[in-house]
Amino acid sequence: MKKGLIAVFGVGLVATVLFIVNHGFGAGHGDYDRALGILALPWILLPWPQFLNQHDFAWLILLPLVLNSLLVLAVSWLGLELRKTKG
């Protein structure tokens, strides 16, 4: 679990640095927009409510960070529960 969360936060840190260096998200026109889009996968492909789309940092960095963290925690918890049931 710790390694997974470290990886998630590492990706979030890299995405944040690229976002700052890129001066935001340029809708595909910035130098690092493609890298930012790849780091935000798969969550960037989902349609989000308009209030999240107004702030690039929210849907491009924060939302993937939170959702990936929850995913790692859920998978870790599920793994622990499966180990408990096996013996």
N, C-alpha and C. Protein backbone atom coordinates (compact mmCIF):
# COMPACT_ATOMS: atom_id res chain seq x y z
N MET A 1 0.83 -1.19 0.00
CA MET A 1 0.00 0.00 0.00
C MET A 1 0.87 1.26 0.00
N LYS A 2 1.94 1.25 0.80
CA LYS A 2 2.78 2.44 0.88
C LYS A 2 3.43 2.75 -0.46
N LYS A 3 3.91 1.71 -1.13
CA LYS A 3 4.56 1.93 -2.43
C LYS A 3 3.57 2.48 -3.45
N GLY A 4 2.34 1.98 -3.41
CA GLY A 4 1.31 2.47 -4.33
C GLY A 4 0.99 3.93 -4.09
N LEU A 5 0.85 4.31 -2.81
CA LEU A 5 0.55 5.71 -2.50
C LEU A 5 1.73 6.61 -2.82
N ILE A 6 2.94 6.12 -2.61
CA ILE A 6 4.11 6.92 -2.97
C ILE A 6 4.14 7.16 -4.47
N ALA A 7 3.81 6.13 -5.25
CA ALA A 7 3.76 6.28 -6.71
C ALA A 7 2.69 7.28 -7.12
N VAL A 8 1.51 7.19 -6.49
CA VAL A 8 0.41 8.11 -6.82
C VAL A 8 0.81 9.55 -6.52
N PHE A 9 1.40 9.77 -5.36
CA PHE A 9 1.79 11.13 -5.01
C PHE A 9 2.98 11.61 -5.83
N GLY A 10 3.85 10.67 -6.26
CA GLY A 10 4.94 11.04 -7.15
C GLY A 10 4.43 11.51 -8.50
N VAL A 11 3.45 10.80 -9.04
CA VAL A 11 2.84 11.22 -10.31
C VAL A 11 2.16 12.57 -10.13
N GLY A 12 1.48 12.75 -9.00
CA GLY A 12 0.83 14.04 -8.73
C GLY A 12 1.84 15.17 -8.63
N LEU A 13 2.98 14.90 -8.02
CA LEU A 13 4.02 15.91 -7.90
C LEU A 13 4.60 16.27 -9.27
N VAL A 14 4.88 15.26 -10.07
CA VAL A 14 5.40 15.51 -11.43
C VAL A 14 4.38 16.30 -12.24
N ALA A 15 3.11 15.92 -12.15
CA ALA A 15 2.07 16.63 -12.90
C ALA A 15 1.96 18.08 -12.43
N THR A 16 2.08 18.30 -11.13
CA THR A 16 2.01 19.67 -10.60
C THR A 16 3.17 20.51 -11.11
N VAL A 17 4.37 19.95 -11.10
CA VAL A 17 5.55 20.68 -11.60
C VAL A 17 5.38 21.00 -13.08
N LEU A 18 4.95 20.02 -13.87
CA LEU A 18 4.73 20.27 -15.30
C LEU A 18 3.65 21.33 -15.52
N PHE A 19 2.61 21.30 -14.71
CA PHE A 19 1.52 22.28 -14.81
C PHE A 19 2.05 23.69 -14.54
N ILE A 20 2.89 23.81 -13.51
CA ILE A 20 3.45 25.13 -13.16
C ILE A 20 4.42 25.61 -14.23
N VAL A 21 5.31 24.72 -14.67
CA VAL A 21 6.29 25.09 -15.70
C VAL A 21 5.59 25.46 -17.01
N ASN A 22 4.50 24.79 -17.30
CA ASN A 22 3.73 25.01 -18.52
C ASN A 22 2.84 26.25 -18.42
N HIS A 23 2.78 26.86 -17.24
CA HIS A 23 1.89 28.00 -16.97
C HIS A 23 0.43 27.63 -17.20
N GLY A 24 0.04 26.47 -16.68
CA GLY A 24 -1.34 26.02 -16.82
C GLY A 24 -1.47 24.99 -17.94
N PHE A 25 -2.70 24.75 -18.31
CA PHE A 25 -2.98 23.78 -19.38
C PHE A 25 -3.41 24.55 -20.61
N GLY A 26 -2.72 24.32 -21.71
CA GLY A 26 -2.97 25.08 -22.93
C GLY A 26 -3.87 24.40 -23.93
N ALA A 27 -4.71 23.48 -23.50
CA ALA A 27 -5.65 22.78 -24.40
C ALA A 27 -4.93 22.14 -25.57
N GLY A 28 -3.76 21.57 -25.28
CA GLY A 28 -3.01 20.88 -26.32
C GLY A 28 -1.95 21.72 -26.99
N HIS A 29 -1.87 23.00 -26.65
CA HIS A 29 -0.91 23.89 -27.31
C HIS A 29 0.35 24.13 -26.48
N GLY A 30 0.33 23.75 -25.20
CA GLY A 30 1.50 23.94 -24.36
C GLY A 30 2.54 22.85 -24.58
N ASP A 31 3.76 23.11 -24.14
CA ASP A 31 4.85 22.16 -24.33
C ASP A 31 4.60 20.84 -23.60
N TYR A 32 3.96 20.90 -22.44
CA TYR A 32 3.78 19.70 -21.62
C TYR A 32 2.32 19.24 -21.53
N ASP A 33 1.47 19.73 -22.38
CA ASP A 33 0.05 19.36 -22.32
C ASP A 33 -0.16 17.87 -22.56
N ARG A 34 0.57 17.29 -23.49
CA ARG A 34 0.42 15.86 -23.77
C ARG A 34 0.85 15.03 -22.56
N ALA A 35 1.95 15.41 -21.93
CA ALA A 35 2.41 14.70 -20.74
C ALA A 35 1.40 14.85 -19.60
N LEU A 36 0.84 16.03 -19.44
CA LEU A 36 -0.18 16.24 -18.41
C LEU A 36 -1.41 15.38 -18.67
N GLY A 37 -1.80 15.28 -19.91
CA GLY A 37 -2.95 14.45 -20.27
C GLY A 37 -2.69 12.98 -19.99
N ILE A 38 -1.49 12.52 -20.29
CA ILE A 38 -1.14 11.12 -20.04
C ILE A 38 -1.11 10.83 -18.54
N LEU A 39 -0.57 11.74 -17.76
CA LEU A 39 -0.51 11.54 -16.32
C LEU A 39 -1.90 11.56 -15.68
N ALA A 40 -2.85 12.21 -16.32
CA ALA A 40 -4.21 12.29 -15.78
C ALA A 40 -5.11 11.14 -16.23
N LEU A 41 -4.60 10.26 -17.09
CA LEU A 41 -5.41 9.13 -17.54
C LEU A 41 -5.72 8.19 -16.39
N PRO A 42 -6.82 7.51 -16.38
CA PRO A 42 -7.94 7.51 -17.31
C PRO A 42 -8.98 8.57 -16.97
N TRP A 43 -8.76 9.29 -15.87
CA TRP A 43 -9.78 10.20 -15.34
C TRP A 43 -10.05 11.39 -16.25
N ILE A 44 -9.10 11.77 -17.06
CA ILE A 44 -9.28 12.92 -17.96
C ILE A 44 -10.31 12.61 -19.05
N LEU A 45 -10.55 11.33 -19.31
CA LEU A 45 -11.47 10.93 -20.38
C LEU A 45 -12.93 10.97 -19.95
N LEU A 46 -13.19 11.05 -18.67
CA LEU A 46 -14.57 11.06 -18.18
C LEU A 46 -15.17 12.45 -18.23
N PRO A 47 -16.47 12.55 -18.52
CA PRO A 47 -17.12 13.87 -18.48
C PRO A 47 -17.36 14.28 -17.03
N TRP A 48 -16.90 15.46 -16.66
CA TRP A 48 -17.04 15.95 -15.29
C TRP A 48 -17.98 17.14 -15.27
N PRO A 49 -18.59 17.42 -14.13
CA PRO A 49 -19.48 18.59 -14.03
C PRO A 49 -18.73 19.88 -14.38
N GLN A 50 -19.47 20.85 -14.83
CA GLN A 50 -18.88 22.10 -15.31
C GLN A 50 -18.03 22.81 -14.25
N PHE A 51 -18.43 22.75 -12.97
CA PHE A 51 -17.67 23.47 -11.95
C PHE A 51 -16.25 22.91 -11.79
N LEU A 52 -16.04 21.64 -12.12
CA LEU A 52 -14.69 21.08 -12.08
C LEU A 52 -13.89 21.46 -13.32
N ASN A 53 -14.56 21.59 -14.44
CA ASN A 53 -13.87 21.93 -15.69
C ASN A 53 -13.42 23.38 -15.75
N GLN A 54 -13.93 24.22 -14.86
CA GLN A 54 -13.54 25.64 -14.87
C GLN A 54 -12.11 25.84 -14.38
N HIS A 55 -11.63 24.94 -13.57
CA HIS A 55 -10.29 25.08 -13.00
C HIS A 55 -9.44 23.90 -13.47
N ASP A 56 -8.48 24.17 -14.33
CA ASP A 56 -7.66 23.10 -14.90
C ASP A 56 -6.94 22.29 -13.84
N PHE A 57 -6.46 22.95 -12.79
CA PHE A 57 -5.72 22.24 -11.75
C PHE A 57 -6.61 21.22 -11.05
N ALA A 58 -7.89 21.55 -10.90
CA ALA A 58 -8.82 20.65 -10.19
C ALA A 58 -9.02 19.35 -10.95
N TRP A 59 -9.37 19.41 -12.23
CA TRP A 59 -9.68 18.18 -12.96
C TRP A 59 -8.46 17.50 -13.57
N LEU A 60 -7.35 18.23 -13.68
CA LEU A 60 -6.16 17.67 -14.31
C LEU A 60 -5.15 17.13 -13.30
N ILE A 61 -5.13 17.69 -12.08
CA ILE A 61 -4.16 17.28 -11.08
C ILE A 61 -4.84 16.72 -9.83
N LEU A 62 -5.71 17.50 -9.20
CA LEU A 62 -6.31 17.09 -7.93
C LEU A 62 -7.24 15.90 -8.06
N LEU A 63 -8.12 15.92 -9.02
CA LEU A 63 -9.07 14.83 -9.18
C LEU A 63 -8.37 13.50 -9.45
N PRO A 64 -7.42 13.42 -10.38
CA PRO A 64 -6.70 12.15 -10.56
C PRO A 64 -5.93 11.73 -9.31
N LEU A 65 -5.35 12.69 -8.58
CA LEU A 65 -4.63 12.37 -7.36
C LEU A 65 -5.54 11.73 -6.33
N VAL A 66 -6.70 12.32 -6.11
CA VAL A 66 -7.65 11.79 -5.13
C VAL A 66 -8.20 10.44 -5.58
N LEU A 67 -8.62 10.35 -6.83
CA LEU A 67 -9.20 9.09 -7.32
C LEU A 67 -8.17 7.96 -7.36
N ASN A 68 -6.94 8.25 -7.76
CA ASN A 68 -5.91 7.22 -7.77
C ASN A 68 -5.55 6.78 -6.35
N SER A 69 -5.53 7.72 -5.41
CA SER A 69 -5.28 7.37 -4.01
C SER A 69 -6.38 6.47 -3.48
N LEU A 70 -7.62 6.81 -3.76
CA LEU A 70 -8.73 5.97 -3.32
C LEU A 70 -8.68 4.59 -3.96
N LEU A 71 -8.28 4.54 -5.22
CA LEU A 71 -8.17 3.26 -5.91
C LEU A 71 -7.08 2.38 -5.27
N VAL A 72 -5.93 2.97 -4.96
CA VAL A 72 -4.85 2.21 -4.33
C VAL A 72 -5.29 1.72 -2.94
N LEU A 73 -5.96 2.58 -2.19
CA LEU A 73 -6.44 2.17 -0.86
C LEU A 73 -7.47 1.05 -0.96
N ALA A 74 -8.37 1.15 -1.93
CA ALA A 74 -9.40 0.12 -2.09
C ALA A 74 -8.79 -1.22 -2.49
N VAL A 75 -7.86 -1.20 -3.41
CA VAL A 75 -7.21 -2.45 -3.84
C VAL A 75 -6.40 -3.04 -2.68
N SER A 76 -5.72 -2.20 -1.92
CA SER A 76 -4.96 -2.69 -0.77
C SER A 76 -5.88 -3.30 0.27
N TRP A 77 -6.98 -2.64 0.55
CA TRP A 77 -7.94 -3.16 1.52
C TRP A 77 -8.51 -4.49 1.04
N LEU A 78 -8.85 -4.56 -0.23
CA LEU A 78 -9.39 -5.80 -0.79
C LEU A 78 -8.37 -6.94 -0.68
N GLY A 79 -7.12 -6.64 -0.96
CA GLY A 79 -6.07 -7.64 -0.83
C GLY A 79 -5.94 -8.14 0.61
N LEU A 80 -6.01 -7.23 1.57
CA LEU A 80 -5.95 -7.63 2.98
C LEU A 80 -7.14 -8.50 3.36
N GLU A 81 -8.31 -8.14 2.88
CA GLU A 81 -9.51 -8.93 3.19
C GLU A 81 -9.43 -10.32 2.57
N LEU A 82 -8.92 -10.42 1.37
CA LEU A 82 -8.78 -11.73 0.73
C LEU A 82 -7.78 -12.61 1.46
N ARG A 83 -6.71 -12.00 1.97
CA ARG A 83 -5.71 -12.77 2.73
C ARG A 83 -6.30 -13.28 4.04
N LYS A 84 -7.16 -12.47 4.66
CA LYS A 84 -7.79 -12.88 5.92
C LYS A 84 -8.71 -14.09 5.71
N THR A 85 -9.43 -14.10 4.59
CA THR A 85 -10.36 -15.19 4.35
C THR A 85 -9.67 -16.49 3.98
N LYS A 86 -8.47 -16.40 3.40
CA LYS A 86 -7.73 -17.61 3.02
C LYS A 86 -7.08 -18.30 4.21
N GLY A 87 -6.90 -17.57 5.27
CA GLY A 87 -6.35 -18.28 6.42
C GLY A 87 -5.40 -17.49 7.15
